[in-house]
Amino acid sequence: LPEDKKLILFTGHLIWQKNLKLILDSIKLLAGARQDFLMLFVGTGYNEKEIKKYAEELQLENYVRFFGQIEDRTLLQGVYGAADLFFFPSVYDNAPLVVREAAVMKLPALLADDANAAEGIENGVNGFTAPPEPESMFEKLNYLLEHISVLRSAGERASQTIPIPWE
């Protein structure tokens, strides 16, 4: 992973239902505004080839990396730890584990407003939300990448409020 880039992470099934078109469209807008970031996709899925093709059509080869499935838990933990923001705008998921995994690693998430996945997120406190449209997500992404201290603070709070302990 490049050390000179801000890292945005998605982990999960590579299926359109997870709102991956929204992610790619938002990243396309972000690429028009800045070049200091990289979007990482970890996972596989039955739409993977189509999703990669769409990323190519948007000419995002300098901004997007697909890593496939990472089964080594230590390596996956390292990817979460290296990232600056977890981007998961799915309106399909209900209480996704990946948001909790990110929070354990002090990685705040950007989620879609009013999505079940955003339950427990206080916008700007322990994570972030935006309307599920490319322009709104782009604006939030651009702001957050410009204000890393806001990300760090939300990540700390996420680690304290989002994970569910075994007790």
N, C-alpha and C. Protein backbone atom coordinates (compact mmCIF):
# COMPACT_ATOMS: atom_id res chain seq x y z
N LEU A 1 0.84 -1.19 0.00
CA LEU A 1 0.00 0.00 0.00
C LEU A 1 0.88 1.24 0.00
N PRO A 2 0.55 2.22 -0.82
CA PRO A 2 1.36 3.43 -0.87
C PRO A 2 1.24 4.25 0.41
N GLU A 3 2.38 4.74 0.89
CA GLU A 3 2.38 5.53 2.11
C GLU A 3 2.04 7.00 1.86
N ASP A 4 2.10 7.42 0.60
CA ASP A 4 1.85 8.83 0.29
C ASP A 4 0.41 9.09 -0.16
N LYS A 5 -0.47 8.12 0.02
CA LYS A 5 -1.87 8.27 -0.39
C LYS A 5 -2.78 8.06 0.81
N LYS A 6 -3.89 8.76 0.82
CA LYS A 6 -4.94 8.51 1.80
C LYS A 6 -5.72 7.30 1.29
N LEU A 7 -6.04 6.38 2.19
CA LEU A 7 -6.65 5.12 1.79
C LEU A 7 -8.10 5.04 2.23
N ILE A 8 -8.96 4.76 1.26
CA ILE A 8 -10.39 4.57 1.49
C ILE A 8 -10.64 3.08 1.26
N LEU A 9 -11.35 2.44 2.16
CA LEU A 9 -11.52 0.99 2.12
C LEU A 9 -12.97 0.56 2.05
N PHE A 10 -13.22 -0.44 1.22
CA PHE A 10 -14.49 -1.18 1.22
C PHE A 10 -14.12 -2.65 1.38
N THR A 11 -14.78 -3.34 2.30
CA THR A 11 -14.65 -4.79 2.37
C THR A 11 -16.04 -5.38 2.32
N GLY A 12 -16.15 -6.50 1.62
CA GLY A 12 -17.44 -7.17 1.52
C GLY A 12 -17.61 -7.83 0.17
N HIS A 13 -18.82 -8.34 -0.04
CA HIS A 13 -19.14 -8.98 -1.31
C HIS A 13 -19.17 -7.94 -2.42
N LEU A 14 -18.54 -8.26 -3.53
CA LEU A 14 -18.56 -7.36 -4.68
C LEU A 14 -19.81 -7.67 -5.50
N ILE A 15 -20.91 -7.08 -5.02
CA ILE A 15 -22.20 -7.21 -5.68
C ILE A 15 -22.83 -5.83 -5.75
N TRP A 16 -23.59 -5.60 -6.81
CA TRP A 16 -24.17 -4.27 -7.02
C TRP A 16 -25.06 -3.83 -5.86
N GLN A 17 -25.72 -4.79 -5.18
CA GLN A 17 -26.63 -4.44 -4.10
C GLN A 17 -25.93 -3.67 -2.98
N LYS A 18 -24.62 -3.78 -2.88
CA LYS A 18 -23.87 -3.08 -1.83
C LYS A 18 -23.63 -1.61 -2.18
N ASN A 19 -24.22 -1.16 -3.29
CA ASN A 19 -24.10 0.24 -3.74
C ASN A 19 -22.69 0.55 -4.25
N LEU A 20 -22.08 -0.42 -4.91
CA LEU A 20 -20.72 -0.21 -5.42
C LEU A 20 -20.68 0.75 -6.59
N LYS A 21 -21.77 0.86 -7.33
CA LYS A 21 -21.83 1.87 -8.39
C LYS A 21 -21.73 3.27 -7.77
N LEU A 22 -22.40 3.47 -6.65
CA LEU A 22 -22.31 4.75 -5.95
C LEU A 22 -20.87 5.01 -5.50
N ILE A 23 -20.21 3.99 -4.99
CA ILE A 23 -18.82 4.17 -4.58
C ILE A 23 -17.98 4.60 -5.78
N LEU A 24 -18.08 3.87 -6.88
CA LEU A 24 -17.25 4.18 -8.05
C LEU A 24 -17.59 5.54 -8.65
N ASP A 25 -18.86 5.89 -8.71
CA ASP A 25 -19.24 7.20 -9.23
C ASP A 25 -18.72 8.32 -8.33
N SER A 26 -18.75 8.11 -7.03
CA SER A 26 -18.23 9.10 -6.07
C SER A 26 -16.72 9.22 -6.21
N ILE A 27 -16.04 8.09 -6.38
CA ILE A 27 -14.59 8.10 -6.55
C ILE A 27 -14.20 8.80 -7.84
N LYS A 28 -14.99 8.64 -8.88
CA LYS A 28 -14.73 9.34 -10.15
C LYS A 28 -14.75 10.85 -9.93
N LEU A 29 -15.74 11.33 -9.18
CA LEU A 29 -15.81 12.76 -8.88
C LEU A 29 -14.62 13.19 -8.02
N LEU A 30 -14.27 12.36 -7.05
CA LEU A 30 -13.14 12.67 -6.17
C LEU A 30 -11.83 12.74 -6.96
N ALA A 31 -11.67 11.85 -7.93
CA ALA A 31 -10.46 11.84 -8.77
C ALA A 31 -10.35 13.12 -9.59
N GLY A 32 -11.47 13.75 -9.88
CA GLY A 32 -11.44 15.02 -10.60
C GLY A 32 -11.01 16.18 -9.73
N ALA A 33 -11.05 15.98 -8.40
CA ALA A 33 -10.71 17.06 -7.47
C ALA A 33 -9.35 16.89 -6.81
N ARG A 34 -8.88 15.64 -6.69
CA ARG A 34 -7.62 15.39 -5.99
C ARG A 34 -7.03 14.07 -6.46
N GLN A 35 -5.73 13.93 -6.25
CA GLN A 35 -5.04 12.72 -6.69
C GLN A 35 -4.34 12.01 -5.54
N ASP A 36 -4.54 12.43 -4.31
CA ASP A 36 -3.79 11.92 -3.17
C ASP A 36 -4.49 10.79 -2.42
N PHE A 37 -5.24 9.96 -3.12
CA PHE A 37 -5.98 8.90 -2.45
C PHE A 37 -5.99 7.63 -3.30
N LEU A 38 -6.38 6.55 -2.65
CA LEU A 38 -6.55 5.27 -3.32
C LEU A 38 -7.74 4.57 -2.69
N MET A 39 -8.65 4.07 -3.52
CA MET A 39 -9.81 3.31 -3.07
C MET A 39 -9.47 1.83 -3.14
N LEU A 40 -9.60 1.13 -2.01
CA LEU A 40 -9.27 -0.28 -1.93
C LEU A 40 -10.54 -1.11 -1.80
N PHE A 41 -10.66 -2.13 -2.61
CA PHE A 41 -11.77 -3.07 -2.51
C PHE A 41 -11.21 -4.42 -2.08
N VAL A 42 -11.72 -4.94 -0.97
CA VAL A 42 -11.34 -6.27 -0.50
C VAL A 42 -12.59 -7.13 -0.51
N GLY A 43 -12.53 -8.23 -1.24
CA GLY A 43 -13.66 -9.14 -1.32
C GLY A 43 -13.83 -9.67 -2.73
N THR A 44 -14.75 -10.58 -2.86
CA THR A 44 -15.12 -11.14 -4.16
C THR A 44 -16.63 -11.19 -4.22
N GLY A 45 -17.15 -11.49 -5.39
CA GLY A 45 -18.60 -11.62 -5.52
C GLY A 45 -18.99 -11.88 -6.96
N TYR A 46 -20.24 -12.24 -7.14
CA TYR A 46 -20.70 -12.62 -8.47
C TYR A 46 -20.78 -11.46 -9.46
N ASN A 47 -20.69 -10.22 -9.00
CA ASN A 47 -20.65 -9.06 -9.91
C ASN A 47 -19.25 -8.50 -10.06
N GLU A 48 -18.25 -9.19 -9.56
CA GLU A 48 -16.89 -8.66 -9.52
C GLU A 48 -16.38 -8.24 -10.90
N LYS A 49 -16.55 -9.06 -11.92
CA LYS A 49 -16.06 -8.72 -13.26
C LYS A 49 -16.75 -7.47 -13.79
N GLU A 50 -18.05 -7.37 -13.58
CA GLU A 50 -18.80 -6.20 -14.05
C GLU A 50 -18.37 -4.93 -13.31
N ILE A 51 -18.11 -5.07 -12.02
CA ILE A 51 -17.69 -3.93 -11.20
C ILE A 51 -16.31 -3.44 -11.65
N LYS A 52 -15.40 -4.39 -11.88
CA LYS A 52 -14.07 -4.02 -12.38
C LYS A 52 -14.17 -3.37 -13.75
N LYS A 53 -15.05 -3.89 -14.60
CA LYS A 53 -15.23 -3.31 -15.94
C LYS A 53 -15.77 -1.88 -15.83
N TYR A 54 -16.70 -1.65 -14.91
CA TYR A 54 -17.24 -0.31 -14.73
C TYR A 54 -16.15 0.65 -14.25
N ALA A 55 -15.30 0.19 -13.34
CA ALA A 55 -14.18 1.01 -12.87
C ALA A 55 -13.26 1.37 -14.04
N GLU A 56 -13.03 0.42 -14.94
CA GLU A 56 -12.21 0.69 -16.13
C GLU A 56 -12.88 1.71 -17.03
N GLU A 57 -14.19 1.56 -17.24
CA GLU A 57 -14.94 2.52 -18.07
C GLU A 57 -14.83 3.93 -17.51
N LEU A 58 -14.79 4.04 -16.18
CA LEU A 58 -14.66 5.36 -15.54
C LEU A 58 -13.21 5.84 -15.51
N GLN A 59 -12.30 5.03 -16.03
CA GLN A 59 -10.86 5.34 -16.08
C GLN A 59 -10.30 5.61 -14.68
N LEU A 60 -10.58 4.68 -13.77
CA LEU A 60 -10.15 4.82 -12.39
C LEU A 60 -8.94 3.96 -12.05
N GLU A 61 -8.21 3.49 -13.06
CA GLU A 61 -7.08 2.59 -12.80
C GLU A 61 -6.03 3.18 -11.87
N ASN A 62 -5.88 4.50 -11.80
CA ASN A 62 -4.91 5.12 -10.89
C ASN A 62 -5.47 5.36 -9.49
N TYR A 63 -6.75 5.08 -9.29
CA TYR A 63 -7.41 5.42 -8.04
C TYR A 63 -8.07 4.24 -7.32
N VAL A 64 -8.13 3.09 -7.98
CA VAL A 64 -8.86 1.94 -7.43
C VAL A 64 -7.98 0.70 -7.50
N ARG A 65 -7.99 -0.09 -6.42
CA ARG A 65 -7.29 -1.39 -6.40
C ARG A 65 -8.25 -2.44 -5.87
N PHE A 66 -8.29 -3.58 -6.55
CA PHE A 66 -9.08 -4.72 -6.12
C PHE A 66 -8.13 -5.78 -5.59
N PHE A 67 -8.31 -6.18 -4.33
CA PHE A 67 -7.41 -7.12 -3.69
C PHE A 67 -7.97 -8.54 -3.59
N GLY A 68 -9.22 -8.74 -4.01
CA GLY A 68 -9.80 -10.07 -3.85
C GLY A 68 -10.09 -10.35 -2.38
N GLN A 69 -10.32 -11.61 -2.09
CA GLN A 69 -10.61 -12.01 -0.72
C GLN A 69 -9.31 -12.17 0.06
N ILE A 70 -9.28 -11.60 1.26
CA ILE A 70 -8.13 -11.75 2.15
C ILE A 70 -8.59 -12.64 3.30
N GLU A 71 -8.06 -13.86 3.34
CA GLU A 71 -8.46 -14.81 4.37
C GLU A 71 -7.57 -14.74 5.61
N ASP A 72 -6.36 -14.23 5.46
CA ASP A 72 -5.44 -14.10 6.59
C ASP A 72 -5.93 -12.96 7.48
N ARG A 73 -6.37 -13.29 8.69
CA ARG A 73 -6.96 -12.29 9.58
C ARG A 73 -5.98 -11.20 9.96
N THR A 74 -4.71 -11.56 10.12
CA THR A 74 -3.70 -10.57 10.49
C THR A 74 -3.49 -9.58 9.34
N LEU A 75 -3.45 -10.10 8.13
CA LEU A 75 -3.30 -9.23 6.96
C LEU A 75 -4.52 -8.32 6.80
N LEU A 76 -5.72 -8.87 6.98
CA LEU A 76 -6.94 -8.07 6.87
C LEU A 76 -6.96 -6.99 7.96
N GLN A 77 -6.54 -7.35 9.15
CA GLN A 77 -6.45 -6.37 10.23
C GLN A 77 -5.49 -5.24 9.84
N GLY A 78 -4.39 -5.60 9.19
CA GLY A 78 -3.44 -4.59 8.73
C GLY A 78 -4.02 -3.66 7.69
N VAL A 79 -4.86 -4.20 6.80
CA VAL A 79 -5.51 -3.36 5.78
C VAL A 79 -6.45 -2.37 6.46
N TYR A 80 -7.26 -2.86 7.40
CA TYR A 80 -8.14 -1.95 8.15
C TYR A 80 -7.30 -0.89 8.87
N GLY A 81 -6.20 -1.31 9.48
CA GLY A 81 -5.37 -0.38 10.23
C GLY A 81 -4.67 0.65 9.37
N ALA A 82 -4.37 0.30 8.12
CA ALA A 82 -3.69 1.23 7.22
C ALA A 82 -4.64 2.26 6.61
N ALA A 83 -5.92 1.93 6.55
CA ALA A 83 -6.89 2.80 5.88
C ALA A 83 -7.21 4.03 6.72
N ASP A 84 -7.66 5.06 6.04
CA ASP A 84 -8.07 6.31 6.70
C ASP A 84 -9.58 6.41 6.87
N LEU A 85 -10.33 5.74 5.98
CA LEU A 85 -11.79 5.82 6.00
C LEU A 85 -12.37 4.55 5.43
N PHE A 86 -13.42 4.05 6.06
CA PHE A 86 -14.17 2.89 5.57
C PHE A 86 -15.40 3.43 4.85
N PHE A 87 -15.57 3.09 3.59
CA PHE A 87 -16.66 3.62 2.76
C PHE A 87 -17.64 2.49 2.49
N PHE A 88 -18.81 2.55 3.10
CA PHE A 88 -19.79 1.47 3.02
C PHE A 88 -21.20 2.06 2.90
N PRO A 89 -21.56 2.56 1.71
CA PRO A 89 -22.86 3.22 1.55
C PRO A 89 -24.02 2.28 1.23
N SER A 90 -23.90 1.01 1.61
CA SER A 90 -24.94 0.02 1.31
C SER A 90 -26.25 0.38 1.99
N VAL A 91 -27.34 0.26 1.24
CA VAL A 91 -28.68 0.37 1.83
C VAL A 91 -29.31 -1.02 1.86
N TYR A 92 -28.53 -2.02 1.50
CA TYR A 92 -28.95 -3.41 1.41
C TYR A 92 -28.68 -4.15 2.72
N ASP A 93 -27.62 -3.78 3.43
CA ASP A 93 -27.19 -4.50 4.62
C ASP A 93 -27.90 -4.03 5.87
N ASN A 94 -28.03 -4.96 6.81
CA ASN A 94 -28.63 -4.68 8.10
C ASN A 94 -27.59 -5.02 9.17
N ALA A 95 -27.09 -4.04 9.90
CA ALA A 95 -26.08 -4.22 10.95
C ALA A 95 -24.86 -4.99 10.43
N PRO A 96 -24.18 -4.47 9.42
CA PRO A 96 -23.04 -5.19 8.84
C PRO A 96 -21.86 -5.31 9.79
N LEU A 97 -21.30 -6.49 9.85
CA LEU A 97 -20.15 -6.77 10.70
C LEU A 97 -18.94 -5.94 10.30
N VAL A 98 -18.79 -5.65 9.00
CA VAL A 98 -17.61 -4.93 8.53
C VAL A 98 -17.50 -3.53 9.13
N VAL A 99 -18.61 -2.89 9.43
CA VAL A 99 -18.57 -1.57 10.07
C VAL A 99 -18.02 -1.71 11.49
N ARG A 100 -18.40 -2.76 12.17
CA ARG A 100 -17.88 -3.03 13.52
C ARG A 100 -16.41 -3.40 13.48
N GLU A 101 -16.02 -4.20 12.48
CA GLU A 101 -14.60 -4.55 12.32
C GLU A 101 -13.76 -3.30 12.11
N ALA A 102 -14.25 -2.40 11.28
CA ALA A 102 -13.53 -1.15 11.04
C ALA A 102 -13.41 -0.34 12.34
N ALA A 103 -14.49 -0.27 13.08
CA ALA A 103 -14.51 0.51 14.32
C ALA A 103 -13.51 -0.05 15.34
N VAL A 104 -13.38 -1.36 15.42
CA VAL A 104 -12.41 -1.96 16.33
C VAL A 104 -11.01 -1.43 16.02
N MET A 105 -10.74 -1.20 14.74
CA MET A 105 -9.43 -0.73 14.30
C MET A 105 -9.34 0.81 14.27
N LYS A 106 -10.31 1.46 14.92
CA LYS A 106 -10.36 2.93 14.98
C LYS A 106 -10.49 3.56 13.60
N LEU A 107 -11.19 2.84 12.72
CA LEU A 107 -11.42 3.31 11.35
C LEU A 107 -12.87 3.75 11.23
N PRO A 108 -13.12 5.05 11.09
CA PRO A 108 -14.50 5.52 10.97
C PRO A 108 -15.07 5.18 9.60
N ALA A 109 -16.39 5.06 9.56
CA ALA A 109 -17.09 4.70 8.33
C ALA A 109 -17.91 5.86 7.79
N LEU A 110 -18.00 5.90 6.46
CA LEU A 110 -18.92 6.80 5.76
C LEU A 110 -20.03 5.91 5.21
N LEU A 111 -21.25 6.19 5.64
CA LEU A 111 -22.41 5.37 5.30
C LEU A 111 -23.51 6.24 4.69
N ALA A 112 -24.50 5.60 4.10
CA ALA A 112 -25.63 6.31 3.51
C ALA A 112 -26.59 6.77 4.61
N ASP A 113 -27.06 8.01 4.50
CA ASP A 113 -28.07 8.53 5.42
C ASP A 113 -29.24 7.56 5.51
N ASP A 114 -29.72 7.35 6.72
CA ASP A 114 -30.94 6.58 6.99
C ASP A 114 -30.87 5.11 6.59
N ALA A 115 -29.69 4.60 6.27
CA ALA A 115 -29.55 3.18 5.96
C ALA A 115 -29.47 2.39 7.25
N ASN A 116 -29.95 1.16 7.24
CA ASN A 116 -29.83 0.30 8.42
C ASN A 116 -28.38 0.15 8.83
N ALA A 117 -27.48 0.13 7.87
CA ALA A 117 -26.05 -0.01 8.15
C ALA A 117 -25.52 1.14 9.00
N ALA A 118 -26.19 2.29 8.96
CA ALA A 118 -25.75 3.48 9.69
C ALA A 118 -26.32 3.56 11.09
N GLU A 119 -27.07 2.55 11.51
CA GLU A 119 -27.61 2.55 12.86
C GLU A 119 -26.48 2.64 13.88
N GLY A 120 -26.60 3.54 14.82
CA GLY A 120 -25.57 3.73 15.83
C GLY A 120 -24.52 4.75 15.45
N ILE A 121 -24.57 5.25 14.23
CA ILE A 121 -23.61 6.26 13.79
C ILE A 121 -24.17 7.65 14.08
N GLU A 122 -23.38 8.45 14.80
CA GLU A 122 -23.70 9.85 15.00
C GLU A 122 -22.81 10.62 14.03
N ASN A 123 -23.42 11.22 13.02
CA ASN A 123 -22.67 11.89 11.97
C ASN A 123 -21.69 12.92 12.55
N GLY A 124 -20.41 12.71 12.23
CA GLY A 124 -19.38 13.61 12.70
C GLY A 124 -18.83 13.27 14.07
N VAL A 125 -19.42 12.30 14.75
CA VAL A 125 -18.98 11.93 16.10
C VAL A 125 -18.23 10.60 16.06
N ASN A 126 -18.92 9.54 15.67
CA ASN A 126 -18.29 8.21 15.62
C ASN A 126 -18.33 7.60 14.22
N GLY A 127 -18.57 8.44 13.25
CA GLY A 127 -18.67 8.03 11.84
C GLY A 127 -19.32 9.16 11.07
N PHE A 128 -19.66 8.85 9.83
CA PHE A 128 -20.18 9.90 8.95
C PHE A 128 -21.28 9.33 8.07
N THR A 129 -22.22 10.18 7.72
CA THR A 129 -23.27 9.80 6.79
C THR A 129 -23.45 10.92 5.76
N ALA A 130 -23.99 10.52 4.64
CA ALA A 130 -24.31 11.48 3.57
C ALA A 130 -25.44 10.88 2.74
N PRO A 131 -26.18 11.72 2.03
CA PRO A 131 -27.21 11.17 1.14
C PRO A 131 -26.59 10.22 0.11
N PRO A 132 -27.27 9.14 -0.22
CA PRO A 132 -26.72 8.14 -1.13
C PRO A 132 -26.77 8.56 -2.60
N GLU A 133 -26.03 9.60 -2.91
CA GLU A 133 -25.90 10.09 -4.28
C GLU A 133 -24.44 10.51 -4.48
N PRO A 134 -23.91 10.35 -5.68
CA PRO A 134 -22.48 10.58 -5.91
C PRO A 134 -21.97 11.96 -5.48
N GLU A 135 -22.69 13.01 -5.79
CA GLU A 135 -22.23 14.36 -5.46
C GLU A 135 -22.11 14.56 -3.95
N SER A 136 -23.09 14.10 -3.20
CA SER A 136 -23.05 14.23 -1.73
C SER A 136 -21.93 13.41 -1.13
N MET A 137 -21.76 12.18 -1.61
CA MET A 137 -20.68 11.34 -1.10
C MET A 137 -19.31 11.94 -1.46
N PHE A 138 -19.19 12.45 -2.68
CA PHE A 138 -17.95 13.10 -3.09
C PHE A 138 -17.61 14.27 -2.17
N GLU A 139 -18.59 15.11 -1.90
CA GLU A 139 -18.34 16.27 -1.04
C GLU A 139 -17.88 15.85 0.34
N LYS A 140 -18.52 14.82 0.90
CA LYS A 140 -18.13 14.33 2.23
C LYS A 140 -16.74 13.71 2.18
N LEU A 141 -16.47 12.89 1.17
CA LEU A 141 -15.14 12.28 1.02
C LEU A 141 -14.06 13.35 0.91
N ASN A 142 -14.28 14.32 0.06
CA ASN A 142 -13.30 15.38 -0.16
C ASN A 142 -13.03 16.14 1.14
N TYR A 143 -14.08 16.48 1.87
CA TYR A 143 -13.93 17.17 3.14
C TYR A 143 -13.12 16.32 4.13
N LEU A 144 -13.49 15.05 4.25
CA LEU A 144 -12.84 14.18 5.23
C LEU A 144 -11.37 13.95 4.90
N LEU A 145 -11.04 13.78 3.64
CA LEU A 145 -9.64 13.58 3.27
C LEU A 145 -8.82 14.85 3.48
N GLU A 146 -9.48 15.97 3.50
CA GLU A 146 -8.80 17.25 3.76
C GLU A 146 -8.63 17.48 5.27
N HIS A 147 -9.42 16.79 6.07
CA HIS A 147 -9.43 17.00 7.53
C HIS A 147 -9.19 15.66 8.24
N ILE A 148 -7.98 15.16 8.14
CA ILE A 148 -7.63 13.86 8.71
C ILE A 148 -7.84 13.84 10.22
N SER A 149 -7.67 14.97 10.90
CA SER A 149 -7.87 14.99 12.35
C SER A 149 -9.33 14.68 12.69
N VAL A 150 -10.26 15.08 11.84
CA VAL A 150 -11.68 14.76 12.05
C VAL A 150 -11.88 13.24 11.93
N LEU A 151 -11.21 12.63 10.95
CA LEU A 151 -11.28 11.18 10.79
C LEU A 151 -10.72 10.47 12.02
N ARG A 152 -9.57 10.91 12.49
CA ARG A 152 -8.93 10.27 13.65
C ARG A 152 -9.82 10.35 14.89
N SER A 153 -10.39 11.51 15.12
CA SER A 153 -11.26 11.70 16.28
C SER A 153 -12.49 10.79 16.19
N ALA A 154 -13.11 10.73 15.03
CA ALA A 154 -14.28 9.87 14.84
C ALA A 154 -13.89 8.40 14.96
N GLY A 155 -12.71 8.05 14.51
CA GLY A 155 -12.24 6.67 14.63
C GLY A 155 -12.07 6.26 16.09
N GLU A 156 -11.52 7.15 16.90
CA GLU A 156 -11.38 6.88 18.34
C GLU A 156 -12.76 6.65 18.96
N ARG A 157 -13.66 7.54 18.64
CA ARG A 157 -15.03 7.43 19.21
C ARG A 157 -15.73 6.18 18.68
N ALA A 158 -15.52 5.84 17.42
CA ALA A 158 -16.12 4.63 16.84
C ALA A 158 -15.67 3.39 17.61
N SER A 159 -14.39 3.35 17.95
CA SER A 159 -13.85 2.17 18.65
C SER A 159 -14.47 2.02 20.04
N GLN A 160 -14.94 3.11 20.61
CA GLN A 160 -15.54 3.08 21.95
C GLN A 160 -17.04 2.81 21.92
N THR A 161 -17.70 3.08 20.79
CA THR A 161 -19.17 3.04 20.78
C THR A 161 -19.80 2.01 19.84
N ILE A 162 -19.07 1.54 18.84
CA ILE A 162 -19.70 0.68 17.83
C ILE A 162 -19.49 -0.81 18.06
N PRO A 163 -18.28 -1.26 18.39
CA PRO A 163 -18.11 -2.71 18.61
C PRO A 163 -18.98 -3.22 19.75
N ILE A 164 -19.44 -4.44 19.63
CA ILE A 164 -20.25 -5.06 20.67
C ILE A 164 -19.39 -6.10 21.37
N PRO A 165 -19.08 -5.88 22.65
CA PRO A 165 -18.23 -6.85 23.36
C PRO A 165 -18.99 -8.17 23.62
N TRP A 166 -18.23 -9.24 23.81
CA TRP A 166 -18.83 -10.56 24.06
C TRP A 166 -19.70 -10.53 25.32
N GLU A 167 -19.33 -9.74 26.30
CA GLU A 167 -20.12 -9.68 27.52
C GLU A 167 -21.55 -9.27 27.24
